Amino acid sequence: MDLSSLEKKIGITFINKDFLLEALTHRSYSNEHTDRKLGHNERLEFLGDAVLEIVVTEYLFNNFKNPEGDLTAWRASLVNSQMLSRIATEIDVNEHLLLSRGETKDTGRARQVILANALEAIIGAIYLDQGIESARKFISQFILPKLPIIIEDKLFQDSKSLFQEIAQDKEGVTPSYEVLAQWGPDHDKHFRIGVYLGEDLIAEGEGASKQEAQRNAAQRALEEKAWQ
């Protein structure tokens, strides 16, 4: 597999290409190719997650005098799966992933998680191949620049909390949520929930839990009301 285009994109040429190749290998691919010597990326993901957290934490500590609560919320927004999958997409990680035939067809929430995990694995691979400073350089180039957007757009706030805050400020109403539908067996439930301001249904959201569906409904309500 030619990884030179990805190396060029991230500005790092690996000494040991196997580190990068393993970082891009999902467990499902390994399960389909049992004769393959390289493993999947979960161990590298574990390492990369730790490297990412310390680098981001150090940056926030050194550059902001805000209280711990703010720094924790900002860090969580920088390293959550939604943000990391977005960054992974920007640097074309999706084009280089090694997935099973089944996983290749899935482009929804599951792919988002796979991309986020792969990005953490790449950070782990960089750390093993070239050390903490190269990993810090990568994080500083591709992840830390998202922080101003997070702060300005209040992305560090849960969409449900943000919608409630703005609704109370603008309309003097506290949003309420109602389950509109649910389906699936107990181990795989799915919910559709509506968010209301008074009697008015503002938006609907779906999710694998009531909490996830409420957050999605709140996010869509923010977009519907143009409150973002």
C-alpha atoms as a PDB file:
ATOM      1  CA  MET A   1       0.000   0.000   0.000  1.00  0.00           C
ATOM      2  CA  ASP A   2       1.449   3.368  -1.047  1.00  0.00           C
ATOM      3  CA  LEU A   3       1.298   5.746   1.910  1.00  0.00           C
ATOM      4  CA  SER A   4       3.432   8.509   0.399  1.00  0.00           C
ATOM      5  CA  SER A   5       0.475  10.773  -0.367  1.00  0.00           C
ATOM      6  CA  LEU A   6      -0.673  10.602   3.264  1.00  0.00           C
ATOM      7  CA  GLU A   7       2.870  11.202   4.508  1.00  0.00           C
ATOM      8  CA  LYS A   8       3.070  14.238   2.250  1.00  0.00           C
ATOM      9  CA  LYS A   9      -0.287  15.484   3.519  1.00  0.00           C
ATOM     10  CA  ILE A  10       0.786  15.331   7.166  1.00  0.00           C
ATOM     11  CA  GLY A  11       4.369  16.423   6.493  1.00  0.00           C
ATOM     12  CA  ILE A  12       5.961  13.345   8.069  1.00  0.00           C
ATOM     13  CA  THR A  13       7.989  10.622   6.363  1.00  0.00           C
ATOM     14  CA  PHE A  14       7.993   7.522   8.535  1.00  0.00           C
ATOM     15  CA  ILE A  15      11.232   5.695   9.206  1.00  0.00           C
ATOM     16  CA  ASN A  16       9.283   2.506   9.880  1.00  0.00           C
ATOM     17  CA  LYS A  17       6.363   2.453   7.463  1.00  0.00           C
ATOM     18  CA  ASP A  18       4.789  -0.441   9.343  1.00  0.00           C
ATOM     19  CA  PHE A  19       3.834   1.890  12.185  1.00  0.00           C
ATOM     20  CA  LEU A  20       1.707   3.998   9.840  1.00  0.00           C
ATOM     21  CA  LEU A  21       0.296   0.957   8.063  1.00  0.00           C
ATOM     22  CA  GLU A  22      -0.758  -0.579  11.365  1.00  0.00           C
ATOM     23  CA  ALA A  23      -2.330   2.717  12.449  1.00  0.00           C
ATOM     24  CA  LEU A  24      -4.561   2.569   9.387  1.00  0.00           C
ATOM     25  CA  THR A  25      -5.609  -1.055   9.899  1.00  0.00           C
ATOM     26  CA  HIS A  26      -9.005  -1.667  11.476  1.00  0.00           C
ATOM     27  CA  ARG A  27      -9.644  -4.819  13.486  1.00  0.00           C
ATOM     28  CA  SER A  28     -12.180  -5.975  10.886  1.00  0.00           C
ATOM     29  CA  TYR A  29      -9.476  -6.016   8.186  1.00  0.00           C
ATOM     30  CA  SER A  30      -7.169  -8.083  10.391  1.00  0.00           C
ATOM     31  CA  ASN A  31      -9.978 -10.543  11.004  1.00  0.00           C
ATOM     32  CA  GLU A  32     -10.401 -11.018   7.255  1.00  0.00           C
ATOM     33  CA  HIS A  33      -6.634 -11.330   6.647  1.00  0.00           C
ATOM     34  CA  THR A  34      -5.454 -13.694   9.354  1.00  0.00           C
ATOM     35  CA  ASP A  35      -2.195 -14.459   7.526  1.00  0.00           C
ATOM     36  CA  ARG A  36      -1.097 -10.820   7.787  1.00  0.00           C
ATOM     37  CA  LYS A  37       1.882 -10.176  10.067  1.00  0.00           C
ATOM     38  CA  LEU A  38       0.896  -6.673  11.177  1.00  0.00           C
ATOM     39  CA  GLY A  39      -1.820  -6.247  13.785  1.00  0.00           C
ATOM     40  CA  HIS A  40      -4.707  -3.776  13.913  1.00  0.00           C
ATOM     41  CA  ASN A  41      -4.565  -0.250  15.281  1.00  0.00           C
ATOM     42  CA  GLU A  42      -6.180  -0.534  18.716  1.00  0.00           C
ATOM     43  CA  ARG A  43      -2.905  -0.599  20.683  1.00  0.00           C
ATOM     44  CA  LEU A  44      -1.601   2.396  18.749  1.00  0.00           C
ATOM     45  CA  GLU A  45      -4.910   4.148  19.365  1.00  0.00           C
ATOM     46  CA  PHE A  46      -4.460   3.571  23.105  1.00  0.00           C
ATOM     47  CA  LEU A  47      -0.991   5.107  22.971  1.00  0.00           C
ATOM     48  CA  GLY A  48      -2.011   7.983  20.707  1.00  0.00           C
ATOM     49  CA  ASP A  49      -4.931   8.890  22.960  1.00  0.00           C
ATOM     50  CA  ALA A  50      -2.515   9.355  25.871  1.00  0.00           C
ATOM     51  CA  VAL A  51      -0.044  11.387  23.781  1.00  0.00           C
ATOM     52  CA  LEU A  52      -2.847  13.588  22.436  1.00  0.00           C
ATOM     53  CA  GLU A  53      -4.233  14.247  25.898  1.00  0.00           C
ATOM     54  CA  ILE A  54      -0.909  15.276  27.439  1.00  0.00           C
ATOM     55  CA  VAL A  55       0.037  17.535  24.511  1.00  0.00           C
ATOM     56  CA  VAL A  56      -3.360  19.269  24.465  1.00  0.00           C
ATOM     57  CA  THR A  57      -3.426  19.546  28.261  1.00  0.00           C
ATOM     58  CA  GLU A  58       0.051  21.070  28.350  1.00  0.00           C
ATOM     59  CA  TYR A  59      -0.861  23.561  25.615  1.00  0.00           C
ATOM     60  CA  LEU A  60      -4.027  24.673  27.387  1.00  0.00           C
ATOM     61  CA  PHE A  61      -2.250  24.940  30.744  1.00  0.00           C
ATOM     62  CA  ASN A  62       0.573  27.043  29.300  1.00  0.00           C
ATOM     63  CA  ASN A  63      -1.547  29.364  27.163  1.00  0.00           C
ATOM     64  CA  PHE A  64      -4.751  30.022  29.120  1.00  0.00           C
ATOM     65  CA  LYS A  65      -5.401  31.240  32.648  1.00  0.00           C
ATOM     66  CA  ASN A  66      -8.986  29.996  32.632  1.00  0.00           C
ATOM     67  CA  PRO A  67     -10.278  27.793  35.455  1.00  0.00           C
ATOM     68  CA  GLU A  68     -10.019  24.015  35.302  1.00  0.00           C
ATOM     69  CA  GLY A  69     -13.630  23.608  34.167  1.00  0.00           C
ATOM     70  CA  ASP A  70     -13.069  25.661  31.016  1.00  0.00           C
ATOM     71  CA  LEU A  71      -9.837  23.882  30.147  1.00  0.00           C
ATOM     72  CA  THR A  72     -11.433  20.476  30.667  1.00  0.00           C
ATOM     73  CA  ALA A  73     -14.384  21.359  28.420  1.00  0.00           C
ATOM     74  CA  TRP A  74     -12.114  22.752  25.691  1.00  0.00           C
ATOM     75  CA  ARG A  75      -9.884  19.700  25.789  1.00  0.00           C
ATOM     76  CA  ALA A  76     -12.880  17.367  25.576  1.00  0.00           C
ATOM     77  CA  SER A  77     -14.131  19.238  22.499  1.00  0.00           C
ATOM     78  CA  LEU A  78     -10.732  19.037  20.814  1.00  0.00           C
ATOM     79  CA  VAL A  79     -10.304  15.301  21.311  1.00  0.00           C
ATOM     80  CA  ASN A  80     -13.856  13.976  20.929  1.00  0.00           C
ATOM     81  CA  SER A  81     -14.680  11.591  18.091  1.00  0.00           C
ATOM     82  CA  GLN A  82     -16.627  14.172  16.097  1.00  0.00           C
ATOM     83  CA  MET A  83     -13.702  16.613  15.960  1.00  0.00           C
ATOM     84  CA  LEU A  84     -11.059  13.953  15.394  1.00  0.00           C
ATOM     85  CA  SER A  85     -13.028  12.305  12.584  1.00  0.00           C
ATOM     86  CA  ARG A  86     -13.449  15.718  10.955  1.00  0.00           C
ATOM     87  CA  ILE A  87      -9.683  16.290  11.094  1.00  0.00           C
ATOM     88  CA  ALA A  88      -9.011  12.764   9.829  1.00  0.00           C
ATOM     89  CA  THR A  89     -11.264  13.454   6.857  1.00  0.00           C
ATOM     90  CA  GLU A  90      -9.457  16.729   6.126  1.00  0.00           C
ATOM     91  CA  ILE A  91      -6.123  14.926   5.825  1.00  0.00           C
ATOM     92  CA  ASP A  92      -7.589  12.082   3.723  1.00  0.00           C
ATOM     93  CA  VAL A  93      -7.220   9.300   6.293  1.00  0.00           C
ATOM     94  CA  ASN A  94     -10.430   7.755   4.972  1.00  0.00           C
ATOM     95  CA  GLU A  95      -8.763   7.110   1.612  1.00  0.00           C
ATOM     96  CA  HIS A  96      -6.076   4.980   3.258  1.00  0.00           C
ATOM     97  CA  LEU A  97      -8.021   2.968   5.835  1.00  0.00           C
ATOM     98  CA  LEU A  98      -7.818  -0.804   5.668  1.00  0.00           C
ATOM     99  CA  LEU A  99     -11.312  -2.102   6.456  1.00  0.00           C
ATOM    100  CA  SER A 100     -13.271  -5.291   5.987  1.00  0.00           C
ATOM    101  CA  ARG A 101     -15.672  -5.446   3.061  1.00  0.00           C
ATOM    102  CA  GLY A 102     -18.564  -4.934   5.480  1.00  0.00           C
ATOM    103  CA  GLU A 103     -17.037  -1.917   7.217  1.00  0.00           C
ATOM    104  CA  THR A 104     -16.184  -0.328   3.881  1.00  0.00           C
ATOM    105  CA  LYS A 105     -19.892   0.003   3.107  1.00  0.00           C
ATOM    106  CA  ASP A 106     -20.725   1.767   6.387  1.00  0.00           C
ATOM    107  CA  THR A 107     -20.336   5.536   6.121  1.00  0.00           C
ATOM    108  CA  GLY A 108     -22.392   6.605   9.132  1.00  0.00           C
ATOM    109  CA  ARG A 109     -21.640   7.036  12.821  1.00  0.00           C
ATOM    110  CA  ALA A 110     -19.527   3.876  12.901  1.00  0.00           C
ATOM    111  CA  ARG A 111     -17.168   5.278  10.255  1.00  0.00           C
ATOM    112  CA  GLN A 112     -16.829   8.499  12.236  1.00  0.00           C
ATOM    113  CA  VAL A 113     -15.594   6.524  15.242  1.00  0.00           C
ATOM    114  CA  ILE A 114     -13.224   4.469  13.068  1.00  0.00           C
ATOM    115  CA  LEU A 115     -11.726   7.654  11.622  1.00  0.00           C
ATOM    116  CA  ALA A 116     -11.292   9.232  15.050  1.00  0.00           C
ATOM    117  CA  ASN A 117      -9.611   6.089  16.362  1.00  0.00           C
ATOM    118  CA  ALA A 118      -7.342   5.940  13.321  1.00  0.00           C
ATOM    119  CA  LEU A 119      -6.221   9.530  13.895  1.00  0.00           C
ATOM    120  CA  GLU A 120      -5.290   8.684  17.483  1.00  0.00           C
ATOM    121  CA  ALA A 121      -3.459   5.615  16.189  1.00  0.00           C
ATOM    122  CA  ILE A 122      -1.521   7.787  13.728  1.00  0.00           C
ATOM    123  CA  ILE A 123      -0.449   9.996  16.625  1.00  0.00           C
ATOM    124  CA  GLY A 124       0.710   6.879  18.456  1.00  0.00           C
ATOM    125  CA  ALA A 125       2.590   5.747  15.348  1.00  0.00           C
ATOM    126  CA  ILE A 126       4.310   9.128  15.004  1.00  0.00           C
ATOM    127  CA  TYR A 127       5.320   8.969  18.668  1.00  0.00           C
ATOM    128  CA  LEU A 128       6.855   5.507  18.285  1.00  0.00           C
ATOM    129  CA  ASP A 129       8.573   6.347  15.017  1.00  0.00           C
ATOM    130  CA  GLN A 130       9.918   9.813  15.754  1.00  0.00           C
ATOM    131  CA  GLY A 131       9.219  10.755  19.362  1.00  0.00           C
ATOM    132  CA  ILE A 132       7.110  13.221  21.306  1.00  0.00           C
ATOM    133  CA  GLU A 133       8.264  16.361  19.479  1.00  0.00           C
ATOM    134  CA  SER A 134       7.099  15.077  16.100  1.00  0.00           C
ATOM    135  CA  ALA A 135       3.796  14.047  17.663  1.00  0.00           C
ATOM    136  CA  ARG A 136       3.516  17.503  19.227  1.00  0.00           C
ATOM    137  CA  LYS A 137       4.210  19.109  15.841  1.00  0.00           C
ATOM    138  CA  PHE A 138       1.450  17.040  14.210  1.00  0.00           C
ATOM    139  CA  ILE A 139      -1.048  17.903  16.952  1.00  0.00           C
ATOM    140  CA  SER A 140      -0.076  21.576  16.795  1.00  0.00           C
ATOM    141  CA  GLN A 141      -0.564  21.664  13.033  1.00  0.00           C
ATOM    142  CA  PHE A 142      -3.825  19.774  12.671  1.00  0.00           C
ATOM    143  CA  ILE A 143      -5.669  19.689  16.003  1.00  0.00           C
ATOM    144  CA  LEU A 144      -4.846  22.738  18.122  1.00  0.00           C
ATOM    145  CA  PRO A 145      -5.891  25.197  15.352  1.00  0.00           C
ATOM    146  CA  LYS A 146      -9.487  24.040  15.920  1.00  0.00           C
ATOM    147  CA  LEU A 147      -9.484  25.557  19.417  1.00  0.00           C
ATOM    148  CA  PRO A 148     -10.432  29.146  18.409  1.00  0.00           C
ATOM    149  CA  ILE A 149     -13.450  27.785  16.527  1.00  0.00           C
ATOM    150  CA  ILE A 150     -14.471  25.718  19.550  1.00  0.00           C
ATOM    151  CA  ILE A 151     -14.257  28.730  21.853  1.00  0.00           C
ATOM    152  CA  GLU A 152     -15.876  31.247  19.489  1.00  0.00           C
ATOM    153  CA  ASP A 153     -18.770  28.975  18.497  1.00  0.00           C
ATOM    154  CA  LYS A 154     -19.128  27.509  22.013  1.00  0.00           C
ATOM    155  CA  LEU A 155     -18.691  24.015  20.636  1.00  0.00           C
ATOM    156  CA  PHE A 156     -17.363  23.007  24.050  1.00  0.00           C
ATOM    157  CA  GLN A 157     -20.900  23.246  25.320  1.00  0.00           C
ATOM    158  CA  ASP A 158     -23.220  20.289  24.959  1.00  0.00           C
ATOM    159  CA  SER A 159     -25.772  21.137  22.265  1.00  0.00           C
ATOM    160  CA  LYS A 160     -28.597  20.471  24.722  1.00  0.00           C
ATOM    161  CA  SER A 161     -27.151  22.853  27.304  1.00  0.00           C
ATOM    162  CA  LEU A 162     -26.419  25.476  24.665  1.00  0.00           C
ATOM    163  CA  PHE A 163     -29.941  25.318  23.215  1.00  0.00           C
ATOM    164  CA  GLN A 164     -31.425  25.674  26.686  1.00  0.00           C
ATOM    165  CA  GLU A 165     -29.191  28.644  27.510  1.00  0.00           C
ATOM    166  CA  ILE A 166     -30.055  30.515  24.300  1.00  0.00           C
ATOM    167  CA  ALA A 167     -33.770  29.623  24.431  1.00  0.00           C
ATOM    168  CA  GLN A 168     -34.050  30.964  27.971  1.00  0.00           C
ATOM    169  CA  ASP A 169     -32.161  34.111  27.012  1.00  0.00           C
ATOM    170  CA  LYS A 170     -33.986  34.847  23.747  1.00  0.00           C
ATOM    171  CA  GLU A 171     -37.480  33.511  24.387  1.00  0.00           C
ATOM    172  CA  GLY A 172     -37.717  32.995  28.126  1.00  0.00           C
ATOM    173  CA  VAL A 173     -38.634  29.343  27.636  1.00  0.00           C
ATOM    174  CA  THR A 174     -36.966  26.147  28.835  1.00  0.00           C
ATOM    175  CA  PRO A 175     -36.943  23.471  26.110  1.00  0.00           C
ATOM    176  CA  SER A 176     -38.741  20.181  26.739  1.00  0.00           C
ATOM    177  CA  TYR A 177     -38.178  16.806  25.088  1.00  0.00           C
ATOM    178  CA  GLU A 178     -40.620  14.088  24.112  1.00  0.00           C
ATOM    179  CA  VAL A 179     -40.069  10.593  22.742  1.00  0.00           C
ATOM    180  CA  LEU A 180     -41.847  10.475  19.396  1.00  0.00           C
ATOM    181  CA  ALA A 181     -40.933   6.909  18.456  1.00  0.00           C
ATOM    182  CA  GLN A 182     -38.733   4.023  19.500  1.00  0.00           C
ATOM    183  CA  TRP A 183     -37.927   0.738  17.856  1.00  0.00           C
ATOM    184  CA  GLY A 184     -35.587  -2.230  17.927  1.00  0.00           C
ATOM    185  CA  PRO A 185     -34.870  -4.987  20.461  1.00  0.00           C
ATOM    186  CA  ASP A 186     -33.781  -4.151  24.007  1.00  0.00           C
ATOM    187  CA  HIS A 187     -30.094  -4.573  23.183  1.00  0.00           C
ATOM    188  CA  ASP A 188     -30.323  -2.317  20.118  1.00  0.00           C
ATOM    189  CA  LYS A 189     -32.958   0.347  20.825  1.00  0.00           C
ATOM    190  CA  HIS A 190     -33.316   3.444  18.676  1.00  0.00           C
ATOM    191  CA  PHE A 191     -35.170   6.624  19.598  1.00  0.00           C
ATOM    192  CA  ARG A 192     -36.641   9.624  17.821  1.00  0.00           C
ATOM    193  CA  ILE A 193     -37.158  12.591  20.114  1.00  0.00           C
ATOM    194  CA  GLY A 194     -38.691  16.017  19.543  1.00  0.00           C
ATOM    195  CA  VAL A 195     -37.550  19.199  21.246  1.00  0.00           C
ATOM    196  CA  TYR A 196     -40.236  21.781  22.012  1.00  0.00           C
ATOM    197  CA  LEU A 197     -40.383  25.419  22.979  1.00  0.00           C
ATOM    198  CA  GLY A 198     -43.742  25.605  24.686  1.00  0.00           C
ATOM    199  CA  GLU A 199     -46.168  23.805  22.376  1.00  0.00           C
ATOM    200  CA  ASP A 200     -44.032  24.269  19.266  1.00  0.00           C
ATOM    201  CA  LEU A 201     -42.004  21.353  17.923  1.00  0.00           C
ATOM    202  CA  ILE A 202     -38.701  22.886  16.832  1.00  0.00           C
ATOM    203  CA  ALA A 203     -36.751  19.855  15.643  1.00  0.00           C
ATOM    204  CA  GLU A 204     -36.371  16.092  15.894  1.00  0.00           C
ATOM    205  CA  GLY A 205     -33.334  13.956  16.549  1.00  0.00           C
ATOM    206  CA  GLU A 206     -32.493  10.265  16.532  1.00  0.00           C
ATOM    207  CA  GLY A 207     -30.026   8.167  18.478  1.00  0.00           C
ATOM    208  CA  ALA A 208     -29.203   4.848  20.081  1.00  0.00           C
ATOM    209  CA  SER A 209     -30.122   6.313  23.483  1.00  0.00           C
ATOM    210  CA  LYS A 210     -32.567   8.957  24.654  1.00  0.00           C
ATOM    211  CA  GLN A 211     -29.651  11.188  25.614  1.00  0.00           C
ATOM    212  CA  GLU A 212     -28.068  10.944  22.175  1.00  0.00           C
ATOM    213  CA  ALA A 213     -31.396  11.597  20.470  1.00  0.00           C
ATOM    214  CA  GLN A 214     -31.973  14.653  22.689  1.00  0.00           C
ATOM    215  CA  ARG A 215     -28.535  16.057  21.832  1.00  0.00           C
ATOM    216  CA  ASN A 216     -29.165  15.535  18.132  1.00  0.00           C
ATOM    217  CA  ALA A 217     -32.570  17.184  18.419  1.00  0.00           C
ATOM    218  CA  ALA A 218     -31.024  20.148  20.238  1.00  0.00           C
ATOM    219  CA  GLN A 219     -28.307  20.469  17.590  1.00  0.00           C
ATOM    220  CA  ARG A 220     -30.903  20.512  14.816  1.00  0.00           C
ATOM    221  CA  ALA A 221     -32.977  23.012  16.784  1.00  0.00           C
ATOM    222  CA  LEU A 222     -29.943  25.319  17.006  1.00  0.00           C
ATOM    223  CA  GLU A 223     -29.588  25.084  13.238  1.00  0.00           C
ATOM    224  CA  GLU A 224     -33.325  25.540  12.664  1.00  0.00           C
ATOM    225  CA  LYS A 225     -33.391  28.683  14.803  1.00  0.00           C
ATOM    226  CA  ALA A 226     -30.071  29.905  13.337  1.00  0.00           C
ATOM    227  CA  TRP A 227     -28.691  30.204  16.859  1.00  0.00           C
ATOM    228  CA  GLN A 228     -25.207  28.957  15.994  1.00  0.00           C
END
